[in-house]
Protein backbone atom coordinates (compact mmCIF):
# COMPACT_ATOMS: atom_id res chain seq x y z
CA MET A 1 0.00 0.00 0.00
CA SER A 2 1.32 3.44 -0.93
CA ASP A 3 1.52 6.34 1.52
CA MET A 4 1.22 8.81 -1.37
CA ALA A 5 -2.13 10.59 -1.50
CA THR A 6 -4.09 10.49 -4.74
CA SER A 7 -7.32 12.13 -5.71
CA ALA A 8 -10.47 10.11 -6.36
CA LEU A 9 -10.06 9.89 -10.16
CA PRO A 10 -6.65 11.35 -11.04
CA GLY A 11 -6.84 13.28 -14.30
CA ALA A 12 -10.34 12.14 -15.28
CA THR A 13 -11.94 14.47 -17.84
CA TYR A 14 -14.87 14.37 -20.18
CA GLN A 15 -15.47 16.80 -23.05
CA GLY A 16 -19.08 17.23 -24.08
CA PHE A 17 -21.05 20.44 -24.54
CA VAL A 18 -19.35 21.33 -21.23
CA THR A 19 -16.12 19.97 -19.78
CA VAL A 20 -16.12 17.80 -16.66
CA ALA A 21 -12.79 17.39 -14.86
CA GLU A 22 -11.77 15.79 -11.60
CA ALA A 23 -10.04 18.66 -9.79
CA GLY A 24 -7.27 16.76 -8.05
CA LEU A 25 -6.33 16.83 -4.40
CA ARG A 26 -7.94 19.65 -2.40
CA GLY A 27 -7.54 20.46 1.25
CA MET A 28 -10.91 20.58 3.02
CA ILE A 29 -11.61 21.23 6.68
CA THR A 30 -15.03 21.14 8.29
CA LEU A 31 -15.55 23.64 11.09
CA ARG A 32 -18.71 23.33 13.19
CA GLY A 33 -19.97 25.55 15.97
CA ASP A 34 -21.66 28.88 16.61
CA LEU A 35 -20.47 30.80 13.56
CA SER A 36 -20.88 34.21 15.20
CA ALA A 37 -18.64 33.06 18.08
CA LEU A 38 -16.07 31.61 15.66
CA ALA A 39 -15.98 34.58 13.26
CA GLY A 40 -12.99 36.34 14.82
CA THR A 41 -10.88 33.19 14.86
CA VAL A 42 -11.82 32.32 11.28
CA LYS A 43 -10.85 35.82 10.12
CA LYS A 44 -7.55 35.72 12.04
CA VAL A 45 -6.47 32.23 10.95
CA MET A 46 -7.95 32.14 7.43
CA GLY A 47 -7.81 35.79 6.38
CA CYS A 48 -11.46 35.44 5.29
CA ALA A 49 -14.62 36.57 6.97
CA VAL A 50 -17.31 34.03 7.79
CA PRO A 51 -19.39 34.11 4.59
CA ALA A 52 -23.00 35.09 4.40
CA GLN A 53 -25.59 32.34 4.03
CA ARG A 54 -25.02 30.25 0.87
CA ARG A 55 -21.83 32.17 -0.07
CA VAL A 56 -18.09 31.51 -0.39
CA GLU A 57 -15.41 34.01 0.69
CA GLN A 58 -11.88 33.80 -0.74
CA ALA A 59 -8.50 35.20 0.27
CA GLY A 60 -5.45 34.15 -1.69
CA GLY A 61 -5.42 30.38 -2.11
CA THR A 62 -7.98 29.68 0.60
CA ALA A 63 -11.75 29.87 0.70
CA VAL A 64 -14.43 29.58 3.38
CA ALA A 65 -17.82 28.21 2.31
CA TRP A 66 -21.06 28.50 4.28
CA MET A 67 -22.53 24.99 4.53
CA SER A 68 -25.24 25.40 7.20
CA PRO A 69 -26.05 27.72 10.12
CA ASP A 70 -23.39 25.95 12.21
CA GLU A 71 -20.93 24.64 9.60
CA LEU A 72 -18.20 26.00 7.34
CA LEU A 73 -16.09 24.19 4.77
CA ILE A 74 -12.57 25.57 4.52
CA LEU A 75 -10.79 24.96 1.22
CA CYS A 76 -7.01 25.17 0.91
CA ASP A 77 -4.02 23.47 -0.66
CA TYR A 78 -4.04 19.77 0.16
CA ALA A 79 -0.59 19.87 1.79
CA ASP A 80 -1.64 22.78 4.03
CA ALA A 81 -4.80 21.15 5.42
CA PRO A 82 -3.28 19.22 8.39
CA ALA A 83 -1.38 22.24 9.74
CA LEU A 84 -4.30 24.58 9.11
CA ALA A 85 -6.71 22.23 10.91
CA ALA A 86 -4.27 22.05 13.85
CA SER A 87 -3.98 25.86 13.93
CA LEU A 88 -7.75 26.25 13.94
CA ALA A 89 -8.17 23.62 16.67
CA GLN A 90 -5.54 25.33 18.82
CA ALA A 91 -7.04 28.78 18.27
CA LEU A 92 -10.51 27.44 19.17
CA GLU A 93 -9.38 25.49 22.23
CA GLY A 94 -11.90 25.90 25.03
CA GLN A 95 -14.70 26.92 22.65
CA PHE A 96 -17.58 24.70 21.62
CA ALA A 97 -16.34 23.85 18.11
CA THR A 98 -15.30 20.87 16.02
CA VAL A 99 -12.48 20.94 13.47
CA ALA A 100 -11.97 17.97 11.11
CA ASN A 101 -9.67 17.53 8.12
CA VAL A 102 -11.96 15.85 5.56
CA SER A 103 -9.66 16.22 2.54
CA ASP A 104 -9.33 12.49 1.88
CA ALA A 105 -13.07 11.86 2.24
CA ARG A 106 -14.16 14.06 -0.67
CA ALA A 107 -13.97 14.18 -4.46
CA VAL A 108 -13.98 17.51 -6.32
CA PHE A 109 -15.05 18.17 -9.91
CA THR A 110 -15.11 21.30 -12.05
CA VAL A 111 -17.67 21.72 -14.79
CA THR A 112 -16.90 24.46 -17.30
CA GLY A 113 -18.46 25.90 -20.41
CA THR A 114 -21.32 28.09 -21.53
CA GLY A 115 -23.91 25.43 -20.69
CA VAL A 116 -22.64 24.52 -17.23
CA GLY A 117 -25.91 25.44 -15.51
CA ASP A 118 -27.92 23.50 -18.09
CA ALA A 119 -25.81 20.37 -17.57
CA LEU A 120 -26.07 20.49 -13.78
CA ALA A 121 -29.80 21.30 -13.89
CA LYS A 122 -30.35 17.83 -15.36
CA LEU A 123 -29.13 16.36 -12.07
CA CYS A 124 -30.00 18.92 -9.38
CA PRO A 125 -33.19 20.69 -8.25
CA VAL A 126 -31.48 24.11 -8.38
CA ASP A 127 -32.16 27.20 -10.50
CA PHE A 128 -28.57 27.70 -11.60
CA SER A 129 -29.48 30.78 -13.65
CA ALA A 130 -30.18 32.61 -10.37
CA LEU A 131 -26.67 31.99 -8.99
CA THR A 132 -23.71 34.35 -9.26
CA THR A 133 -20.00 33.88 -8.67
CA GLY A 134 -19.44 32.92 -5.03
CA ASP A 135 -22.88 31.39 -4.49
CA ILE A 136 -22.98 27.85 -3.07
CA ARG A 137 -25.78 25.31 -2.71
CA ARG A 138 -25.96 22.01 -0.90
CA THR A 139 -28.20 19.73 -2.89
CA ARG A 140 -28.43 16.35 -4.51
CA ALA A 141 -27.03 15.41 -7.89
CA ALA A 142 -29.32 12.53 -8.85
CA GLN A 143 -29.30 10.68 -5.49
CA VAL A 144 -25.88 11.86 -4.30
CA ALA A 145 -25.33 14.60 -1.70
CA ALA A 146 -23.25 17.41 -3.19
CA ALA A 147 -22.16 20.98 -2.64
CA ILE A 148 -21.95 23.11 -5.78
CA TRP A 149 -20.65 26.64 -6.06
CA VAL A 150 -20.16 29.10 -8.87
CA SER A 151 -16.36 29.26 -8.81
CA GLY A 152 -15.88 31.51 -11.83
CA PRO A 153 -17.39 32.67 -15.08
CA GLN A 154 -18.92 29.64 -16.79
CA GLU A 155 -17.47 27.39 -14.06
CA MET A 156 -18.99 25.45 -11.19
CA THR A 157 -17.20 23.28 -8.66
CA LEU A 158 -18.88 20.24 -7.18
CA VAL A 159 -17.84 18.40 -3.99
CA CYS A 160 -19.17 14.96 -3.09
CA PHE A 161 -18.09 12.01 -0.98
CA ARG A 162 -15.07 10.22 -2.39
CA SER A 163 -16.89 6.87 -2.16
CA VAL A 164 -19.27 7.99 -4.92
CA GLY A 165 -16.64 9.81 -7.00
CA GLN A 166 -16.78 7.47 -9.99
CA TYR A 167 -20.58 7.47 -9.97
CA MET A 168 -20.62 11.29 -9.83
CA PHE A 169 -18.13 11.54 -12.70
CA ASP A 170 -20.32 9.21 -14.77
CA LEU A 171 -23.44 11.27 -13.94
CA LEU A 172 -21.73 14.54 -14.85
CA SER A 173 -20.33 13.04 -18.06
CA ARG A 174 -23.73 11.77 -19.15
CA ALA A 175 -25.31 15.18 -18.40
CA ALA A 176 -22.57 16.84 -20.49
CA ALA A 177 -22.78 14.42 -23.43
CA PRO A 178 -23.03 15.94 -26.93
CA GLY A 179 -26.59 15.84 -28.15
CA SER A 180 -27.97 16.12 -24.60
CA GLU A 181 -27.96 19.92 -24.65
CA PRO A 182 -31.31 21.37 -23.62
CA LYS A 183 -33.46 22.37 -26.57
CA LEU A 184 -36.03 25.12 -26.66
CA TYR A 185 -39.31 24.16 -28.28
CA CYS A 186 -41.57 26.96 -29.51
């Protein structure tokens, strides 16, 4: 068994009317607690404010995503996640909070192209046309729990459990397949 970390589907890509790509290793830390009580520590350690509901805040190479009224997902370089989680845990010592490095438990995909919202709408009950850069939604893609945020112009990033990474890639690829573009009928 190798001690070298690998992402869920290293280098997997699919080119359809949008492009689906496995995003590689990403550092991810779950922080749970009273977000108003944790805000100062998050700002000090991360350099980002606690985001508003259903938003992502970024500073440099890190991001903080609102996941629920008592949960944040911190995104960083994979190699930085253990030390960052330890720094957060130390800074929050004595407070009612939980810090967990979940980097190896998740798979991350980027979906890019002019029809990215159309492709994801086939799988998720979300009005993607109403979202702007920095918006995030927790939802289901088919029957799989996922978090999806608008990470750039014509780009969305999807996070799911690593155990369903291949299934999610297959779902996204099928939704992006040429000839499956939505058609307007008048």
